[in-house]
């Protein structure tokens, strides 16, 4: 009899945990949907020549590290 009660309690806790996780995911999804992604400060501009570096510029500035031949 104790085994049956223990199994019922474990099943109830699993169901409650699953419900809690689903509610938290729904809340998080609603928060993401309400947020408008984009440029944080569109009025602020970078001066010429100070934009985001391209992939080739990033590769040129990387240093070689390690001892791999």
Protein backbone atom coordinates (compact mmCIF):
# COMPACT_ATOMS: atom_id res chain seq x y z
CA UNK A 1 0.00 0.00 0.00
CA UNK A 2 2.85 2.37 0.82
CA UNK A 3 4.38 1.66 -2.56
CA UNK A 4 1.19 2.69 -4.32
CA UNK A 5 1.00 5.94 -2.34
CA UNK A 6 4.66 6.66 -3.06
CA UNK A 7 4.19 6.07 -6.79
CA UNK A 8 1.09 8.28 -6.81
CA UNK A 9 3.00 11.04 -5.00
CA UNK A 10 5.90 10.82 -7.46
CA UNK A 11 3.52 10.94 -10.43
CA UNK A 12 1.76 13.98 -8.92
CA UNK A 13 5.07 15.78 -8.39
CA UNK A 14 6.16 15.03 -11.95
CA UNK A 15 2.84 16.37 -13.29
CA UNK A 16 3.12 19.53 -11.18
CA UNK A 17 6.73 20.07 -12.27
CA UNK A 18 5.78 19.61 -15.92
CA UNK A 19 2.95 22.12 -15.54
CA UNK A 20 5.26 24.63 -13.88
CA UNK A 21 7.86 24.32 -16.64
CA UNK A 22 5.21 24.81 -19.34
CA UNK A 23 3.88 27.92 -17.60
CA UNK A 24 7.37 29.38 -17.25
CA UNK A 25 8.10 28.69 -20.93
CA UNK A 26 4.85 30.38 -21.96
CA UNK A 27 5.71 33.40 -19.81
CA UNK A 28 9.18 33.58 -21.34
CA UNK A 29 7.78 33.30 -24.88
CA UNK A 30 5.33 36.13 -24.15
CA UNK A 31 8.19 38.28 -22.88
CA UNK A 32 10.24 37.61 -26.01
CA UNK A 33 7.26 38.37 -28.27
CA UNK A 34 6.66 41.70 -26.52
CA UNK A 35 10.27 42.83 -26.90
CA UNK A 36 11.10 44.67 -30.11
CA UNK A 37 14.57 43.76 -31.23
CA UNK A 38 16.58 46.16 -33.32
CA UNK A 39 19.16 48.86 -33.09
CA UNK A 40 19.22 50.04 -29.47
CA UNK A 41 20.10 53.64 -30.30
CA UNK A 42 19.41 54.33 -33.98
CA UNK A 43 20.27 58.04 -33.63
CA UNK A 44 23.85 57.27 -32.57
CA UNK A 45 26.02 56.61 -35.59
CA UNK A 46 29.60 55.51 -35.83
CA UNK A 47 32.09 57.79 -37.50
CA UNK A 48 33.37 56.79 -40.94
CA UNK A 49 35.90 53.99 -40.73
CA UNK A 50 34.70 52.82 -37.30
CA UNK A 51 31.93 50.45 -38.35
CA UNK A 52 31.70 46.76 -37.60
CA UNK A 53 34.75 44.87 -38.90
CA UNK A 54 34.24 42.37 -41.67
CA UNK A 55 35.17 38.70 -41.28
CA UNK A 56 38.42 39.18 -43.23
CA UNK A 57 39.41 42.13 -41.02
CA UNK A 58 38.71 40.09 -37.90
CA UNK A 59 40.82 37.21 -39.23
CA UNK A 60 43.69 39.59 -40.03
CA UNK A 61 43.77 40.91 -36.46
CA UNK A 62 43.73 37.49 -34.78
CA UNK A 63 46.95 36.28 -33.28
CA UNK A 64 48.14 32.73 -33.67
CA UNK A 65 48.20 30.98 -30.34
CA UNK A 66 49.30 27.57 -29.16
CA UNK A 67 51.99 25.25 -30.42
CA UNK A 68 50.12 23.33 -33.08
CA UNK A 69 52.43 22.87 -36.05
